Amino acid sequence: MLGDKKIGPVIGIGGIAAVYAAEHPVLRKTIALKILHKRFANDQELANRFVREARETAALGHPAFVHVHDAGVTDDGAPYIEMDRLEGRELYSMRKEAGPLEPERVVPIAIQVLDALVALHARGVIHRDIKSQNIYLVPSPHGDQIKLLDLGFAKVEDEMKLTSKNHVLGTPIYISPEQYLEPSAVDARADLFSLGVVMFELLTGDWPYAWETKRELLGKVMKGDLERHPMNRNPTVPTWLDAIVAKALAHKREDRFGDAAEMKAALELGPPPGKSGILRRLFGG
């Protein structure tokens, strides 16, 4: 039940759920209600994803995840999650409107995402749907503050063994090769690949793949047929940052960073000693 909460307008619609503004009678503030589309109300797998999202988001207590107040089922049987309403914009629409972001802005955003992934992976949970639409920037006196959205696709590692070999979760442009080739064996390095795609997109204003049909795209993802070096599309990308993105986008998992903490450390280290410029100043070198 939603009790005496006043449901407002739709503020977002996705493939399996819609998000509504609402007024919380106790908190006396505007919140967001994410409600599974009614046509999926009897789909146990999607209902389980909702339960997982509410549980994992609430348990994390990390500033990069939206605070969850409650979860339940509406009077007509649709699961819902009650959470803070965000003010800001997601990266995809920002990139579409303004084009590539400056490297000195992309780096702190990626570091925050990786810090969130360190916390998520420590609980044995893999996000599996890292994409620019799921990274939200909210206003902050200290610059960009990210919120990592949509843990509905997230999978606990123990549950991976139960995943059908042909059951693919994620968004095609961002998904790692192993999520197509062997989804039951996916580990945390899949999230690093997806973040690499996001960083390439933000730095270049374009995708690392070129395709005309979805089938062609999937074939290129599985074969690793993509541009791994953003500086080939945008010469202003510094060499050290280009190398980090290329490593995240390695076709084989063992050629990527070992975990989110390792990739985060590489970005925090910044340019090699002796290099000058805005990124060196940004990192205090």
C-alpha atoms as a PDB file:
ATOM      1  CA  MET A   1       0.000   0.000   0.000  1.00  0.00           C
ATOM      2  CA  LEU A   2       1.034   3.579  -0.563  1.00  0.00           C
ATOM      3  CA  GLY A   3      -0.968   4.871   2.379  1.00  0.00           C
ATOM      4  CA  ASP A   4      -1.822   8.571   2.352  1.00  0.00           C
ATOM      5  CA  LYS A   5       1.102   9.594   0.151  1.00  0.00           C
ATOM      6  CA  LYS A   6       0.057  12.070  -2.511  1.00  0.00           C
ATOM      7  CA  ILE A   7       1.173  10.761  -5.909  1.00  0.00           C
ATOM      8  CA  GLY A   8       2.322  13.457  -8.316  1.00  0.00           C
ATOM      9  CA  PRO A   9       3.398  13.493 -11.972  1.00  0.00           C
ATOM     10  CA  VAL A  10       5.606  10.984 -13.732  1.00  0.00           C
ATOM     11  CA  ILE A  11       9.253  12.108 -13.619  1.00  0.00           C
ATOM     12  CA  GLY A  12      10.770   9.153 -15.455  1.00  0.00           C
ATOM     13  CA  ILE A  13       9.730   6.052 -17.393  1.00  0.00           C
ATOM     14  CA  GLY A  14      11.863   2.983 -18.015  1.00  0.00           C
ATOM     15  CA  GLY A  15      11.345  -0.372 -19.640  1.00  0.00           C
ATOM     16  CA  ILE A  16      10.037  -2.079 -16.519  1.00  0.00           C
ATOM     17  CA  ALA A  17       9.075   0.739 -14.170  1.00  0.00           C
ATOM     18  CA  ALA A  18       7.968   4.349 -13.861  1.00  0.00           C
ATOM     19  CA  VAL A  19       9.108   6.924 -11.309  1.00  0.00           C
ATOM     20  CA  TYR A  20       6.586   9.345  -9.811  1.00  0.00           C
ATOM     21  CA  ALA A  21       6.960  12.411  -7.639  1.00  0.00           C
ATOM     22  CA  ALA A  22       5.097  12.061  -4.348  1.00  0.00           C
ATOM     23  CA  GLU A  23       4.553  13.955  -1.133  1.00  0.00           C
ATOM     24  CA  HIS A  24       5.506  12.085   2.043  1.00  0.00           C
ATOM     25  CA  PRO A  25       2.996  12.944   4.826  1.00  0.00           C
ATOM     26  CA  VAL A  26       5.452  12.238   7.672  1.00  0.00           C
ATOM     27  CA  LEU A  27       8.702  13.511   6.194  1.00  0.00           C
ATOM     28  CA  ARG A  28       6.835  16.471   4.665  1.00  0.00           C
ATOM     29  CA  LYS A  29       9.005  16.505   1.591  1.00  0.00           C
ATOM     30  CA  THR A  30       8.846  15.459  -2.034  1.00  0.00           C
ATOM     31  CA  ILE A  31      10.069  11.916  -2.614  1.00  0.00           C
ATOM     32  CA  ALA A  32      10.230   9.553  -5.595  1.00  0.00           C
ATOM     33  CA  LEU A  33       8.226   6.365  -6.017  1.00  0.00           C
ATOM     34  CA  LYS A  34       9.566   3.764  -8.434  1.00  0.00           C
ATOM     35  CA  ILE A  35       6.669   1.473  -9.356  1.00  0.00           C
ATOM     36  CA  LEU A  36       6.887  -1.641 -11.505  1.00  0.00           C
ATOM     37  CA  HIS A  37       4.683  -1.372 -14.594  1.00  0.00           C
ATOM     38  CA  LYS A  38       1.367  -3.063 -13.897  1.00  0.00           C
ATOM     39  CA  ARG A  39       1.773  -5.466 -16.826  1.00  0.00           C
ATOM     40  CA  PHE A  40       4.791  -6.948 -15.020  1.00  0.00           C
ATOM     41  CA  ALA A  41       3.111  -7.227 -11.622  1.00  0.00           C
ATOM     42  CA  ASN A  42       2.940 -11.031 -11.838  1.00  0.00           C
ATOM     43  CA  ASP A  43       6.505 -11.463 -13.132  1.00  0.00           C
ATOM     44  CA  GLN A  44       8.336 -12.981 -10.182  1.00  0.00           C
ATOM     45  CA  GLU A  45      11.815 -12.341 -11.627  1.00  0.00           C
ATOM     46  CA  LEU A  46      11.141  -8.610 -12.045  1.00  0.00           C
ATOM     47  CA  ALA A  47       9.539  -8.470  -8.605  1.00  0.00           C
ATOM     48  CA  ASN A  48      12.677 -10.067  -7.188  1.00  0.00           C
ATOM     49  CA  ARG A  49      14.803  -7.418  -8.905  1.00  0.00           C
ATOM     50  CA  PHE A  50      12.781  -4.732  -7.152  1.00  0.00           C
ATOM     51  CA  VAL A  51      13.274  -6.405  -3.784  1.00  0.00           C
ATOM     52  CA  ARG A  52      17.011  -6.736  -4.519  1.00  0.00           C
ATOM     53  CA  GLU A  53      17.300  -3.086  -5.524  1.00  0.00           C
ATOM     54  CA  ALA A  54      15.585  -1.866  -2.358  1.00  0.00           C
ATOM     55  CA  ARG A  55      17.586  -4.215  -0.135  1.00  0.00           C
ATOM     56  CA  GLU A  56      21.007  -3.500  -1.601  1.00  0.00           C
ATOM     57  CA  THR A  57      20.518   0.257  -1.910  1.00  0.00           C
ATOM     58  CA  ALA A  58      19.295   0.553   1.668  1.00  0.00           C
ATOM     59  CA  ALA A  59      22.103  -1.631   3.037  1.00  0.00           C
ATOM     60  CA  LEU A  60      24.934   0.219   1.313  1.00  0.00           C
ATOM     61  CA  GLY A  61      24.569   3.544   3.083  1.00  0.00           C
ATOM     62  CA  HIS A  62      26.992   5.034   0.554  1.00  0.00           C
ATOM     63  CA  PRO A  63      26.532   8.663  -0.599  1.00  0.00           C
ATOM     64  CA  ALA A  64      26.556   7.600  -4.260  1.00  0.00           C
ATOM     65  CA  PHE A  65      23.351   5.608  -3.812  1.00  0.00           C
ATOM     66  CA  VAL A  66      19.882   7.095  -3.391  1.00  0.00           C
ATOM     67  CA  HIS A  67      18.480   6.807   0.129  1.00  0.00           C
ATOM     68  CA  VAL A  68      15.598   4.299   0.262  1.00  0.00           C
ATOM     69  CA  HIS A  69      12.809   4.965   2.770  1.00  0.00           C
ATOM     70  CA  ASP A  70      10.501   2.011   2.189  1.00  0.00           C
ATOM     71  CA  ALA A  71       9.379  -0.678  -0.234  1.00  0.00           C
ATOM     72  CA  GLY A  72       6.147  -2.563  -0.666  1.00  0.00           C
ATOM     73  CA  VAL A  73       3.297  -3.462  -2.988  1.00  0.00           C
ATOM     74  CA  THR A  74       0.570  -1.152  -4.285  1.00  0.00           C
ATOM     75  CA  ASP A  75      -3.116  -1.948  -3.859  1.00  0.00           C
ATOM     76  CA  ASP A  76      -3.182  -3.386  -7.379  1.00  0.00           C
ATOM     77  CA  GLY A  77      -0.189  -5.658  -6.751  1.00  0.00           C
ATOM     78  CA  ALA A  78       2.744  -3.751  -8.269  1.00  0.00           C
ATOM     79  CA  PRO A  79       5.995  -3.625  -6.252  1.00  0.00           C
ATOM     80  CA  TYR A  80       7.337  -0.154  -5.465  1.00  0.00           C
ATOM     81  CA  ILE A  81      10.381   1.510  -3.911  1.00  0.00           C
ATOM     82  CA  GLU A  82      10.124   4.786  -2.005  1.00  0.00           C
ATOM     83  CA  MET A  83      13.296   6.890  -2.168  1.00  0.00           C
ATOM     84  CA  ASP A  84      14.729  10.402  -2.116  1.00  0.00           C
ATOM     85  CA  ARG A  85      13.911  12.510  -5.142  1.00  0.00           C
ATOM     86  CA  LEU A  86      17.019  13.650  -7.000  1.00  0.00           C
ATOM     87  CA  GLU A  87      17.672  17.127  -8.302  1.00  0.00           C
ATOM     88  CA  GLY A  88      20.042  17.235 -11.243  1.00  0.00           C
ATOM     89  CA  ARG A  89      20.579  15.442 -14.546  1.00  0.00           C
ATOM     90  CA  GLU A  90      21.832  12.118 -15.805  1.00  0.00           C
ATOM     91  CA  LEU A  91      25.037  12.045 -17.838  1.00  0.00           C
ATOM     92  CA  TYR A  92      23.516  10.776 -21.074  1.00  0.00           C
ATOM     93  CA  SER A  93      21.265  13.807 -21.600  1.00  0.00           C
ATOM     94  CA  MET A  94      24.094  16.152 -20.576  1.00  0.00           C
ATOM     95  CA  ARG A  95      26.442  14.576 -23.098  1.00  0.00           C
ATOM     96  CA  LYS A  96      23.792  14.624 -25.847  1.00  0.00           C
ATOM     97  CA  GLU A  97      23.133  18.307 -25.266  1.00  0.00           C
ATOM     98  CA  ALA A  98      26.641  19.627 -24.688  1.00  0.00           C
ATOM     99  CA  GLY A  99      28.914  17.130 -26.407  1.00  0.00           C
ATOM    100  CA  PRO A 100      32.116  15.755 -24.863  1.00  0.00           C
ATOM    101  CA  LEU A 101      33.031  16.647 -21.287  1.00  0.00           C
ATOM    102  CA  GLU A 102      36.458  17.952 -20.381  1.00  0.00           C
ATOM    103  CA  PRO A 103      38.864  15.260 -19.132  1.00  0.00           C
ATOM    104  CA  GLU A 104      39.306  17.139 -15.850  1.00  0.00           C
ATOM    105  CA  ARG A 105      35.558  16.728 -15.253  1.00  0.00           C
ATOM    106  CA  VAL A 106      35.298  13.109 -16.410  1.00  0.00           C
ATOM    107  CA  VAL A 107      38.055  11.907 -14.071  1.00  0.00           C
ATOM    108  CA  PRO A 108      36.390  12.933 -10.757  1.00  0.00           C
ATOM    109  CA  ILE A 109      33.056  11.535 -11.986  1.00  0.00           C
ATOM    110  CA  ALA A 110      34.674   8.174 -12.793  1.00  0.00           C
ATOM    111  CA  ILE A 111      36.476   8.138  -9.422  1.00  0.00           C
ATOM    112  CA  GLN A 112      33.147   8.590  -7.618  1.00  0.00           C
ATOM    113  CA  VAL A 113      31.532   5.796  -9.648  1.00  0.00           C
ATOM    114  CA  LEU A 114      34.439   3.502  -8.825  1.00  0.00           C
ATOM    115  CA  ASP A 115      34.219   4.378  -5.131  1.00  0.00           C
ATOM    116  CA  ALA A 116      30.556   3.332  -5.259  1.00  0.00           C
ATOM    117  CA  LEU A 117      31.506   0.105  -7.059  1.00  0.00           C
ATOM    118  CA  VAL A 118      34.107  -0.690  -4.395  1.00  0.00           C
ATOM    119  CA  ALA A 119      31.297  -0.600  -1.807  1.00  0.00           C
ATOM    120  CA  LEU A 120      28.894  -2.557  -4.019  1.00  0.00           C
ATOM    121  CA  HIS A 121      31.405  -5.248  -4.997  1.00  0.00           C
ATOM    122  CA  ALA A 122      32.463  -5.649  -1.347  1.00  0.00           C
ATOM    123  CA  ARG A 123      28.948  -6.958  -0.706  1.00  0.00           C
ATOM    124  CA  GLY A 124      29.386  -9.484  -3.508  1.00  0.00           C
ATOM    125  CA  VAL A 125      27.042  -7.549  -5.793  1.00  0.00           C
ATOM    126  CA  ILE A 126      27.738  -6.713  -9.456  1.00  0.00           C
ATOM    127  CA  HIS A 127      25.757  -3.818 -10.919  1.00  0.00           C
ATOM    128  CA  ARG A 128      25.673  -5.191 -14.498  1.00  0.00           C
ATOM    129  CA  ASP A 129      24.047  -2.086 -16.012  1.00  0.00           C
ATOM    130  CA  ILE A 130      26.554   0.758 -15.660  1.00  0.00           C
ATOM    131  CA  LYS A 131      25.682   3.347 -18.317  1.00  0.00           C
ATOM    132  CA  SER A 132      25.492   7.113 -18.642  1.00  0.00           C
ATOM    133  CA  GLN A 133      21.705   7.025 -18.128  1.00  0.00           C
ATOM    134  CA  ASN A 134      22.285   5.433 -14.710  1.00  0.00           C
ATOM    135  CA  ILE A 135      24.817   8.004 -13.495  1.00  0.00           C
ATOM    136  CA  TYR A 136      23.100  11.098 -12.135  1.00  0.00           C
ATOM    137  CA  LEU A 137      24.823  14.383 -11.292  1.00  0.00           C
ATOM    138  CA  VAL A 138      23.293  16.325  -8.424  1.00  0.00           C
ATOM    139  CA  PRO A 139      24.176  19.896  -7.383  1.00  0.00           C
ATOM    140  CA  SER A 140      26.853  20.158  -4.694  1.00  0.00           C
ATOM    141  CA  PRO A 141      28.977  22.996  -3.273  1.00  0.00           C
ATOM    142  CA  HIS A 142      32.006  20.796  -3.925  1.00  0.00           C
ATOM    143  CA  GLY A 143      31.343  20.124  -7.617  1.00  0.00           C
ATOM    144  CA  ASP A 144      29.732  17.154  -9.332  1.00  0.00           C
ATOM    145  CA  GLN A 145      28.184  14.654  -6.917  1.00  0.00           C
ATOM    146  CA  ILE A 146      27.147  11.381  -8.562  1.00  0.00           C
ATOM    147  CA  LYS A 147      24.307   9.040  -7.763  1.00  0.00           C
ATOM    148  CA  LEU A 148      24.505   5.553  -9.223  1.00  0.00           C
ATOM    149  CA  LEU A 149      21.022   4.381 -10.139  1.00  0.00           C
ATOM    150  CA  ASP A 150      19.149   1.187 -10.937  1.00  0.00           C
ATOM    151  CA  LEU A 151      20.331  -1.835  -9.006  1.00  0.00           C
ATOM    152  CA  GLY A 152      17.440  -3.769 -10.557  1.00  0.00           C
ATOM    153  CA  PHE A 153      19.870  -5.621 -12.833  1.00  0.00           C
ATOM    154  CA  ALA A 154      22.379  -6.208 -10.044  1.00  0.00           C
ATOM    155  CA  LYS A 155      23.290  -9.776  -9.244  1.00  0.00           C
ATOM    156  CA  VAL A 156      24.685 -11.260  -6.064  1.00  0.00           C
ATOM    157  CA  GLU A 157      27.644 -13.491  -6.996  1.00  0.00           C
ATOM    158  CA  ASP A 158      26.028 -16.614  -5.489  1.00  0.00           C
ATOM    159  CA  GLU A 159      23.009 -16.051  -7.719  1.00  0.00           C
ATOM    160  CA  MET A 160      25.204 -16.028 -10.837  1.00  0.00           C
ATOM    161  CA  LYS A 161      25.380 -19.803 -10.758  1.00  0.00           C
ATOM    162  CA  LEU A 162      21.615 -19.889 -11.241  1.00  0.00           C
ATOM    163  CA  THR A 163      21.637 -17.544 -14.226  1.00  0.00           C
ATOM    164  CA  SER A 164      20.777 -19.172 -17.529  1.00  0.00           C
ATOM    165  CA  LYS A 165      23.678 -19.142 -19.999  1.00  0.00           C
ATOM    166  CA  ASN A 166      21.449 -17.296 -22.443  1.00  0.00           C
ATOM    167  CA  HIS A 167      19.964 -14.860 -19.910  1.00  0.00           C
ATOM    168  CA  VAL A 168      21.637 -11.533 -20.688  1.00  0.00           C
ATOM    169  CA  LEU A 169      21.179  -8.537 -18.407  1.00  0.00           C
ATOM    170  CA  GLY A 170      22.388  -5.057 -19.283  1.00  0.00           C
ATOM    171  CA  THR A 171      22.349  -2.502 -22.098  1.00  0.00           C
ATOM    172  CA  PRO A 172      23.929  -3.622 -25.420  1.00  0.00           C
ATOM    173  CA  ILE A 173      26.215  -0.618 -26.042  1.00  0.00           C
ATOM    174  CA  TYR A 174      27.730  -0.776 -22.552  1.00  0.00           C
ATOM    175  CA  ILE A 175      27.734  -4.487 -21.840  1.00  0.00           C
ATOM    176  CA  SER A 176      30.968  -6.471 -21.471  1.00  0.00           C
ATOM    177  CA  PRO A 177      31.747  -9.312 -23.923  1.00  0.00           C
ATOM    178  CA  GLU A 178      31.415 -11.980 -21.206  1.00  0.00           C
ATOM    179  CA  GLN A 179      27.888 -10.833 -20.408  1.00  0.00           C
ATOM    180  CA  TYR A 180      26.970 -12.165 -23.864  1.00  0.00           C
ATOM    181  CA  LEU A 181      29.428 -15.040 -24.134  1.00  0.00           C
ATOM    182  CA  GLU A 182      29.152 -16.483 -20.624  1.00  0.00           C
ATOM    183  CA  PRO A 183      26.666 -14.551 -18.460  1.00  0.00           C
ATOM    184  CA  SER A 184      26.715 -17.126 -15.662  1.00  0.00           C
ATOM    185  CA  ALA A 185      30.439 -16.475 -15.105  1.00  0.00           C
ATOM    186  CA  VAL A 186      30.345 -12.663 -15.010  1.00  0.00           C
ATOM    187  CA  ASP A 187      32.372 -11.015 -12.249  1.00  0.00           C
ATOM    188  CA  ALA A 188      32.970  -7.461 -11.017  1.00  0.00           C
ATOM    189  CA  ARG A 189      35.296  -6.672 -13.930  1.00  0.00           C
ATOM    190  CA  ALA A 190      32.211  -6.457 -16.169  1.00  0.00           C
ATOM    191  CA  ASP A 191      31.284  -3.221 -14.373  1.00  0.00           C
ATOM    192  CA  LEU A 192      34.755  -1.831 -15.109  1.00  0.00           C
ATOM    193  CA  PHE A 193      34.304  -2.494 -18.837  1.00  0.00           C
ATOM    194  CA  SER A 194      30.929  -0.723 -18.801  1.00  0.00           C
ATOM    195  CA  LEU A 195      32.446   2.258 -17.012  1.00  0.00           C
ATOM    196  CA  GLY A 196      35.162   2.302 -19.683  1.00  0.00           C
ATOM    197  CA  VAL A 197      32.437   2.662 -22.322  1.00  0.00           C
ATOM    198  CA  VAL A 198      30.871   5.506 -20.316  1.00  0.00           C
ATOM    199  CA  MET A 199      34.236   7.291 -20.026  1.00  0.00           C
ATOM    200  CA  PHE A 200      34.854   6.875 -23.781  1.00  0.00           C
ATOM    201  CA  GLU A 201      31.385   8.285 -24.468  1.00  0.00           C
ATOM    202  CA  LEU A 202      31.899  11.298 -22.183  1.00  0.00           C
ATOM    203  CA  LEU A 203      35.380  12.069 -23.515  1.00  0.00           C
ATOM    204  CA  THR A 204      34.479  11.788 -27.205  1.00  0.00           C
ATOM    205  CA  GLY A 205      30.741  12.413 -27.406  1.00  0.00           C
ATOM    206  CA  ASP A 206      30.414   9.125 -29.288  1.00  0.00           C
ATOM    207  CA  TRP A 207      30.347   5.354 -28.817  1.00  0.00           C
ATOM    208  CA  PRO A 208      33.409   3.116 -29.197  1.00  0.00           C
ATOM    209  CA  TYR A 209      31.432   0.951 -31.660  1.00  0.00           C
ATOM    210  CA  ALA A 210      30.207   1.649 -35.194  1.00  0.00           C
ATOM    211  CA  TRP A 211      27.178  -0.380 -36.284  1.00  0.00           C
ATOM    212  CA  GLU A 212      24.063  -0.293 -38.421  1.00  0.00           C
ATOM    213  CA  THR A 213      21.999  -3.123 -36.914  1.00  0.00           C
ATOM    214  CA  LYS A 214      21.659  -4.554 -33.417  1.00  0.00           C
ATOM    215  CA  ARG A 215      22.954  -7.884 -34.701  1.00  0.00           C
ATOM    216  CA  GLU A 216      26.098  -6.176 -36.019  1.00  0.00           C
ATOM    217  CA  LEU A 217      26.570  -4.423 -32.677  1.00  0.00           C
ATOM    218  CA  LEU A 218      26.253  -7.653 -30.704  1.00  0.00           C
ATOM    219  CA  GLY A 219      28.760  -9.321 -33.005  1.00  0.00           C
ATOM    220  CA  LYS A 220      31.266  -6.524 -32.431  1.00  0.00           C
ATOM    221  CA  VAL A 221      30.744  -6.675 -28.660  1.00  0.00           C
ATOM    222  CA  MET A 222      31.419 -10.412 -28.592  1.00  0.00           C
ATOM    223  CA  LYS A 223      34.513 -10.102 -30.810  1.00  0.00           C
ATOM    224  CA  GLY A 224      35.848  -7.015 -29.044  1.00  0.00           C
ATOM    225  CA  ASP A 225      35.694  -5.009 -32.272  1.00  0.00           C
ATOM    226  CA  LEU A 226      35.699  -1.475 -30.857  1.00  0.00           C
ATOM    227  CA  GLU A 227      37.854   1.633 -30.561  1.00  0.00           C
ATOM    228  CA  ARG A 228      39.557   1.459 -27.167  1.00  0.00           C
ATOM    229  CA  HIS A 229      41.480   4.721 -27.333  1.00  0.00           C
ATOM    230  CA  PRO A 230      39.398   7.897 -26.874  1.00  0.00           C
ATOM    231  CA  MET A 231      42.348  10.087 -27.895  1.00  0.00           C
ATOM    232  CA  ASN A 232      41.948   8.728 -31.453  1.00  0.00           C
ATOM    233  CA  ARG A 233      38.579  10.523 -31.518  1.00  0.00           C
ATOM    234  CA  ASN A 234      39.493  13.445 -29.273  1.00  0.00           C
ATOM    235  CA  PRO A 235      43.176  14.510 -29.312  1.00  0.00           C
ATOM    236  CA  THR A 236      42.705  16.576 -26.140  1.00  0.00           C
ATOM    237  CA  VAL A 237      42.422  13.373 -24.079  1.00  0.00           C
ATOM    238  CA  PRO A 238      45.773  12.978 -22.254  1.00  0.00           C
ATOM    239  CA  THR A 239      47.812   9.842 -22.924  1.00  0.00           C
ATOM    240  CA  TRP A 240      47.685   8.588 -19.326  1.00  0.00           C
ATOM    241  CA  LEU A 241      43.866   8.818 -19.255  1.00  0.00           C
ATOM    242  CA  ASP A 242      43.606   7.216 -22.695  1.00  0.00           C
ATOM    243  CA  ALA A 243      45.622   4.255 -21.382  1.00  0.00           C
ATOM    244  CA  ILE A 244      43.288   3.796 -18.396  1.00  0.00           C
ATOM    245  CA  VAL A 245      40.170   3.778 -20.594  1.00  0.00           C
ATOM    246  CA  ALA A 246      41.822   1.342 -23.039  1.00  0.00           C
ATOM    247  CA  LYS A 247      42.704  -1.030 -20.188  1.00  0.00           C
ATOM    248  CA  ALA A 248      39.146  -0.933 -18.829  1.00  0.00           C
ATOM    249  CA  LEU A 249      37.901  -1.827 -22.326  1.00  0.00           C
ATOM    250  CA  ALA A 250      40.176  -4.867 -22.743  1.00  0.00           C
ATOM    251  CA  HIS A 251      38.358  -7.793 -24.336  1.00  0.00           C
ATOM    252  CA  LYS A 252      39.716 -10.322 -21.828  1.00  0.00           C
ATOM    253  CA  ARG A 253      38.807  -9.758 -18.178  1.00  0.00           C
ATOM    254  CA  GLU A 254      42.322 -10.613 -17.003  1.00  0.00           C
ATOM    255  CA  ASP A 255      43.704  -7.723 -19.096  1.00  0.00           C
ATOM    256  CA  ARG A 256      41.532  -5.150 -17.304  1.00  0.00           C
ATOM    257  CA  PHE A 257      42.081  -3.702 -13.852  1.00  0.00           C
ATOM    258  CA  GLY A 258      41.829  -6.340 -11.150  1.00  0.00           C
ATOM    259  CA  ASP A 259      39.031  -4.518  -9.342  1.00  0.00           C
ATOM    260  CA  ALA A 260      37.368  -1.145  -8.906  1.00  0.00           C
ATOM    261  CA  ALA A 261      39.848  -0.065  -6.239  1.00  0.00           C
ATOM    262  CA  GLU A 262      42.785  -0.602  -8.617  1.00  0.00           C
ATOM    263  CA  MET A 263      41.168   1.415 -11.392  1.00  0.00           C
ATOM    264  CA  LYS A 264      40.209   4.163  -8.929  1.00  0.00           C
ATOM    265  CA  ALA A 265      43.815   4.339  -7.683  1.00  0.00           C
ATOM    266  CA  ALA A 266      45.097   4.697 -11.261  1.00  0.00           C
ATOM    267  CA  LEU A 267      42.767   7.660 -11.884  1.00  0.00           C
ATOM    268  CA  GLU A 268      43.653   9.274  -8.553  1.00  0.00           C
ATOM    269  CA  LEU A 269      47.342   8.962  -9.364  1.00  0.00           C
ATOM    270  CA  GLY A 270      46.781  11.090 -12.439  1.00  0.00           C
ATOM    271  CA  PRO A 271      49.514  12.031 -14.940  1.00  0.00           C
ATOM    272  CA  PRO A 272      52.995  10.531 -14.584  1.00  0.00           C
ATOM    273  CA  PRO A 273      55.555  12.607 -12.621  1.00  0.00           C
ATOM    274  CA  GLY A 274      56.980  15.487 -14.609  1.00  0.00           C
ATOM    275  CA  LYS A 275      53.822  16.105 -16.642  1.00  0.00           C
ATOM    276  CA  SER A 276      52.259  19.538 -16.378  1.00  0.00           C
ATOM    277  CA  GLY A 277      48.923  20.979 -17.248  1.00  0.00           C
ATOM    278  CA  ILE A 278      45.460  21.256 -15.741  1.00  0.00           C
ATOM    279  CA  LEU A 279      45.150  17.578 -14.804  1.00  0.00           C
ATOM    280  CA  ARG A 280      48.451  17.662 -12.951  1.00  0.00           C
ATOM    281  CA  ARG A 281      47.258  20.756 -11.082  1.00  0.00           C
ATOM    282  CA  LEU A 282      43.913  19.077 -10.442  1.00  0.00           C
ATOM    283  CA  PHE A 283      45.639  16.214  -8.646  1.00  0.00           C
ATOM    284  CA  GLY A 284      48.054  18.419  -6.781  1.00  0.00           C
ATOM    285  CA  GLY A 285      51.202  17.495  -8.682  1.00  0.00           C
END
